[in-house]
Amino acid sequence: MPRAVFRAAALAAAFASAGCSTTYDWSELGSNPREFFNLNPPVVLAGAQVDGGKVTLRRGQALVLKLDEEVGTGLRWEMQRYDGPVVIAPVRHDLTAPPGADPTAAVGPGDATFRMRGIAAGTQPVVLEYKRAFEPAAAKTVRFDVVVP
């Protein structure tokens, strides 16, 4: 038997025996595969809809939050640090031009989009501040709680 074929056969046997010795606990799947495979649609909201309120997410479900941002002013939205029990994970934050606007313009209206995902049961406050990096006070603040049952 050629050496490469022997190695491939030995690796296949090793992987097969390793797979047989481990078992996966499928009980985590529960009765709702939509949650296990993260097939729940994202919750999409604007800042005015959520300010001062509460957003409920399932574990694994995403929240997409859009906030108005004026490009070229130096002001930008930032999520404030939270040191308590973590319920959500920030996934991404970007700035996009609104529909019909010139995406290459250096000044003008835009949308700051925050994406976060519910990762554990509990409640976590979220504070987003619209300010320049060197200024201590925010021009605008959006506060809300995320609840993951």
C-alpha atoms as a PDB file:
ATOM      1  CA  MET A   1       0.000   0.000   0.000  1.00  0.00           C
ATOM      2  CA  PRO A   2       1.454   3.435  -0.913  1.00  0.00           C
ATOM      3  CA  ARG A   3       2.450   5.603   2.006  1.00  0.00           C
ATOM      4  CA  ALA A   4      -0.081   8.455   1.245  1.00  0.00           C
ATOM      5  CA  VAL A   5      -2.975   6.002   1.056  1.00  0.00           C
ATOM      6  CA  PHE A   6      -1.902   4.405   4.338  1.00  0.00           C
ATOM      7  CA  ARG A   7      -1.792   7.833   6.063  1.00  0.00           C
ATOM      8  CA  ALA A   8      -5.225   8.760   4.717  1.00  0.00           C
ATOM      9  CA  ALA A   9      -6.682   5.445   5.911  1.00  0.00           C
ATOM     10  CA  ALA A  10      -5.068   5.858   9.346  1.00  0.00           C
ATOM     11  CA  LEU A  11      -6.419   9.418   9.702  1.00  0.00           C
ATOM     12  CA  ALA A  12      -9.908   8.346   8.633  1.00  0.00           C
ATOM     13  CA  ALA A  13      -9.848   5.512  11.193  1.00  0.00           C
ATOM     14  CA  ALA A  14      -8.656   7.885  13.928  1.00  0.00           C
ATOM     15  CA  PHE A  15     -11.396  10.434  13.168  1.00  0.00           C
ATOM     16  CA  ALA A  16     -14.048   7.726  12.994  1.00  0.00           C
ATOM     17  CA  SER A  17     -13.051   6.235  16.332  1.00  0.00           C
ATOM     18  CA  ALA A  18     -12.853   9.701  17.931  1.00  0.00           C
ATOM     19  CA  GLY A  19     -16.364  10.464  16.705  1.00  0.00           C
ATOM     20  CA  CYS A  20     -17.687   7.239  18.194  1.00  0.00           C
ATOM     21  CA  SER A  21     -16.233   7.898  21.607  1.00  0.00           C
ATOM     22  CA  THR A  22     -17.826  11.331  22.021  1.00  0.00           C
ATOM     23  CA  THR A  23     -21.527  11.984  22.253  1.00  0.00           C
ATOM     24  CA  TYR A  24     -23.333  15.259  21.793  1.00  0.00           C
ATOM     25  CA  ASP A  25     -26.060  16.281  24.212  1.00  0.00           C
ATOM     26  CA  TRP A  26     -28.925  17.149  21.871  1.00  0.00           C
ATOM     27  CA  SER A  27     -31.140  18.163  24.802  1.00  0.00           C
ATOM     28  CA  GLU A  28     -29.871  21.742  24.346  1.00  0.00           C
ATOM     29  CA  LEU A  29     -31.813  21.766  21.079  1.00  0.00           C
ATOM     30  CA  GLY A  30     -35.009  21.637  23.109  1.00  0.00           C
ATOM     31  CA  SER A  31     -38.341  21.751  21.397  1.00  0.00           C
ATOM     32  CA  ASN A  32     -37.686  24.845  19.269  1.00  0.00           C
ATOM     33  CA  PRO A  33     -35.011  24.378  16.594  1.00  0.00           C
ATOM     34  CA  ARG A  34     -35.577  28.014  15.429  1.00  0.00           C
ATOM     35  CA  GLU A  35     -33.864  29.221  18.589  1.00  0.00           C
ATOM     36  CA  PHE A  36     -31.073  26.631  18.518  1.00  0.00           C
ATOM     37  CA  PHE A  37     -30.141  27.413  14.915  1.00  0.00           C
ATOM     38  CA  ASN A  38     -30.740  31.163  15.397  1.00  0.00           C
ATOM     39  CA  LEU A  39     -33.504  31.439  12.799  1.00  0.00           C
ATOM     40  CA  ASN A  40     -35.473  34.129  14.637  1.00  0.00           C
ATOM     41  CA  PRO A  41     -35.707  37.305  12.546  1.00  0.00           C
ATOM     42  CA  PRO A  42     -33.798  40.334  13.870  1.00  0.00           C
ATOM     43  CA  VAL A  43     -35.606  43.095  15.747  1.00  0.00           C
ATOM     44  CA  VAL A  44     -35.105  46.327  13.751  1.00  0.00           C
ATOM     45  CA  LEU A  45     -35.773  49.622  15.550  1.00  0.00           C
ATOM     46  CA  ALA A  46     -34.953  53.324  15.393  1.00  0.00           C
ATOM     47  CA  GLY A  47     -33.616  55.315  18.351  1.00  0.00           C
ATOM     48  CA  ALA A  48     -36.900  57.138  19.034  1.00  0.00           C
ATOM     49  CA  GLN A  49     -38.759  53.804  19.208  1.00  0.00           C
ATOM     50  CA  VAL A  50     -36.497  52.353  21.870  1.00  0.00           C
ATOM     51  CA  ASP A  51     -35.423  55.349  23.995  1.00  0.00           C
ATOM     52  CA  GLY A  52     -36.514  54.820  27.598  1.00  0.00           C
ATOM     53  CA  GLY A  53     -38.069  51.458  26.814  1.00  0.00           C
ATOM     54  CA  LYS A  54     -37.350  47.770  26.871  1.00  0.00           C
ATOM     55  CA  VAL A  55     -36.445  45.389  24.020  1.00  0.00           C
ATOM     56  CA  THR A  56     -36.996  41.659  24.431  1.00  0.00           C
ATOM     57  CA  LEU A  57     -34.761  39.309  22.448  1.00  0.00           C
ATOM     58  CA  ARG A  58     -34.584  35.542  22.355  1.00  0.00           C
ATOM     59  CA  ARG A  59     -31.192  33.982  22.976  1.00  0.00           C
ATOM     60  CA  GLY A  60     -29.248  34.285  19.712  1.00  0.00           C
ATOM     61  CA  GLN A  61     -31.633  36.848  18.216  1.00  0.00           C
ATOM     62  CA  ALA A  62     -30.201  40.078  16.810  1.00  0.00           C
ATOM     63  CA  LEU A  63     -31.204  43.669  17.463  1.00  0.00           C
ATOM     64  CA  VAL A  64     -30.518  46.207  14.704  1.00  0.00           C
ATOM     65  CA  LEU A  65     -30.765  49.780  15.977  1.00  0.00           C
ATOM     66  CA  LYS A  66     -30.577  52.771  13.619  1.00  0.00           C
ATOM     67  CA  LEU A  67     -29.773  56.254  14.908  1.00  0.00           C
ATOM     68  CA  ASP A  68     -29.533  59.510  12.951  1.00  0.00           C
ATOM     69  CA  GLU A  69     -25.971  60.781  12.683  1.00  0.00           C
ATOM     70  CA  GLU A  70     -24.719  63.916  10.936  1.00  0.00           C
ATOM     71  CA  VAL A  71     -21.523  63.114   9.015  1.00  0.00           C
ATOM     72  CA  GLY A  72     -18.758  65.723   9.137  1.00  0.00           C
ATOM     73  CA  THR A  73     -19.711  67.321  12.477  1.00  0.00           C
ATOM     74  CA  GLY A  74     -17.331  65.250  14.579  1.00  0.00           C
ATOM     75  CA  LEU A  75     -20.275  63.893  16.583  1.00  0.00           C
ATOM     76  CA  ARG A  76     -20.716  60.122  16.631  1.00  0.00           C
ATOM     77  CA  TRP A  77     -22.731  57.519  18.503  1.00  0.00           C
ATOM     78  CA  GLU A  78     -20.869  55.342  20.997  1.00  0.00           C
ATOM     79  CA  MET A  79     -22.114  52.519  23.189  1.00  0.00           C
ATOM     80  CA  GLN A  80     -21.078  53.077  26.781  1.00  0.00           C
ATOM     81  CA  ARG A  81     -19.266  50.354  28.675  1.00  0.00           C
ATOM     82  CA  TYR A  82     -21.314  48.130  30.971  1.00  0.00           C
ATOM     83  CA  ASP A  83     -19.606  46.243  33.803  1.00  0.00           C
ATOM     84  CA  GLY A  84     -22.525  44.083  35.003  1.00  0.00           C
ATOM     85  CA  PRO A  85     -23.670  40.633  33.865  1.00  0.00           C
ATOM     86  CA  VAL A  86     -23.444  40.432  30.074  1.00  0.00           C
ATOM     87  CA  VAL A  87     -26.734  39.660  28.315  1.00  0.00           C
ATOM     88  CA  ILE A  88     -25.932  41.008  24.834  1.00  0.00           C
ATOM     89  CA  ALA A  89     -22.880  40.978  22.619  1.00  0.00           C
ATOM     90  CA  PRO A  90     -22.215  43.948  20.349  1.00  0.00           C
ATOM     91  CA  VAL A  91     -21.677  42.570  16.868  1.00  0.00           C
ATOM     92  CA  ARG A  92     -21.089  45.570  14.626  1.00  0.00           C
ATOM     93  CA  HIS A  93     -21.419  49.346  14.379  1.00  0.00           C
ATOM     94  CA  ASP A  94     -21.278  51.199  11.088  1.00  0.00           C
ATOM     95  CA  LEU A  95     -22.315  54.434   9.420  1.00  0.00           C
ATOM     96  CA  THR A  96     -24.351  54.381   6.201  1.00  0.00           C
ATOM     97  CA  ALA A  97     -25.884  57.013   3.967  1.00  0.00           C
ATOM     98  CA  PRO A  98     -29.688  57.077   3.946  1.00  0.00           C
ATOM     99  CA  PRO A  99     -31.497  55.952   0.759  1.00  0.00           C
ATOM    100  CA  GLY A 100     -31.130  58.534  -2.015  1.00  0.00           C
ATOM    101  CA  ALA A 101     -28.159  60.319  -0.411  1.00  0.00           C
ATOM    102  CA  ASP A 102     -24.675  60.512  -1.911  1.00  0.00           C
ATOM    103  CA  PRO A 103     -22.641  57.814  -0.090  1.00  0.00           C
ATOM    104  CA  THR A 104     -19.364  59.607  -0.917  1.00  0.00           C
ATOM    105  CA  ALA A 105     -20.371  62.952   0.625  1.00  0.00           C
ATOM    106  CA  ALA A 106     -18.088  64.149   3.423  1.00  0.00           C
ATOM    107  CA  VAL A 107     -20.909  66.074   5.101  1.00  0.00           C
ATOM    108  CA  GLY A 108     -24.578  65.265   5.470  1.00  0.00           C
ATOM    109  CA  PRO A 109     -27.101  62.988   7.096  1.00  0.00           C
ATOM    110  CA  GLY A 110     -26.334  59.361   7.829  1.00  0.00           C
ATOM    111  CA  ASP A 111     -27.499  56.406   9.872  1.00  0.00           C
ATOM    112  CA  ALA A 112     -25.416  54.915  12.661  1.00  0.00           C
ATOM    113  CA  THR A 113     -26.390  51.251  12.811  1.00  0.00           C
ATOM    114  CA  PHE A 114     -25.683  49.161  15.901  1.00  0.00           C
ATOM    115  CA  ARG A 115     -26.072  45.388  15.778  1.00  0.00           C
ATOM    116  CA  MET A 116     -26.126  43.308  18.930  1.00  0.00           C
ATOM    117  CA  ARG A 117     -27.175  39.766  19.803  1.00  0.00           C
ATOM    118  CA  GLY A 118     -28.839  38.312  22.898  1.00  0.00           C
ATOM    119  CA  ILE A 119     -26.438  35.750  24.361  1.00  0.00           C
ATOM    120  CA  ALA A 120     -27.615  34.989  27.911  1.00  0.00           C
ATOM    121  CA  ALA A 121     -30.718  35.256  30.061  1.00  0.00           C
ATOM    122  CA  GLY A 122     -31.123  38.465  32.036  1.00  0.00           C
ATOM    123  CA  THR A 123     -31.517  42.221  31.680  1.00  0.00           C
ATOM    124  CA  GLN A 124     -28.825  44.637  30.542  1.00  0.00           C
ATOM    125  CA  PRO A 125     -29.081  48.425  30.291  1.00  0.00           C
ATOM    126  CA  VAL A 126     -27.758  49.972  27.080  1.00  0.00           C
ATOM    127  CA  VAL A 127     -26.624  53.605  26.916  1.00  0.00           C
ATOM    128  CA  LEU A 128     -25.682  55.201  23.588  1.00  0.00           C
ATOM    129  CA  GLU A 129     -24.232  58.716  23.581  1.00  0.00           C
ATOM    130  CA  TYR A 130     -23.926  61.099  20.630  1.00  0.00           C
ATOM    131  CA  LYS A 131     -20.849  63.246  21.236  1.00  0.00           C
ATOM    132  CA  ARG A 132     -17.373  64.195  20.163  1.00  0.00           C
ATOM    133  CA  ALA A 133     -14.630  62.034  21.646  1.00  0.00           C
ATOM    134  CA  PHE A 134     -13.051  64.907  23.587  1.00  0.00           C
ATOM    135  CA  GLU A 135     -16.291  66.287  25.070  1.00  0.00           C
ATOM    136  CA  PRO A 136     -17.486  65.046  28.473  1.00  0.00           C
ATOM    137  CA  ALA A 137     -21.210  65.760  27.881  1.00  0.00           C
ATOM    138  CA  ALA A 138     -23.317  64.120  25.183  1.00  0.00           C
ATOM    139  CA  ALA A 139     -25.476  66.122  22.764  1.00  0.00           C
ATOM    140  CA  LYS A 140     -28.022  63.239  22.768  1.00  0.00           C
ATOM    141  CA  THR A 141     -28.427  60.065  24.801  1.00  0.00           C
ATOM    142  CA  VAL A 142     -30.509  56.953  24.107  1.00  0.00           C
ATOM    143  CA  ARG A 143     -31.142  54.570  27.023  1.00  0.00           C
ATOM    144  CA  PHE A 144     -33.016  51.280  27.037  1.00  0.00           C
ATOM    145  CA  ASP A 145     -32.935  47.808  28.575  1.00  0.00           C
ATOM    146  CA  VAL A 146     -32.457  44.557  26.673  1.00  0.00           C
ATOM    147  CA  VAL A 147     -34.223  41.567  28.216  1.00  0.00           C
ATOM    148  CA  VAL A 148     -33.378  38.003  27.225  1.00  0.00           C
ATOM    149  CA  PRO A 149     -35.792  35.527  28.883  1.00  0.00           C
END
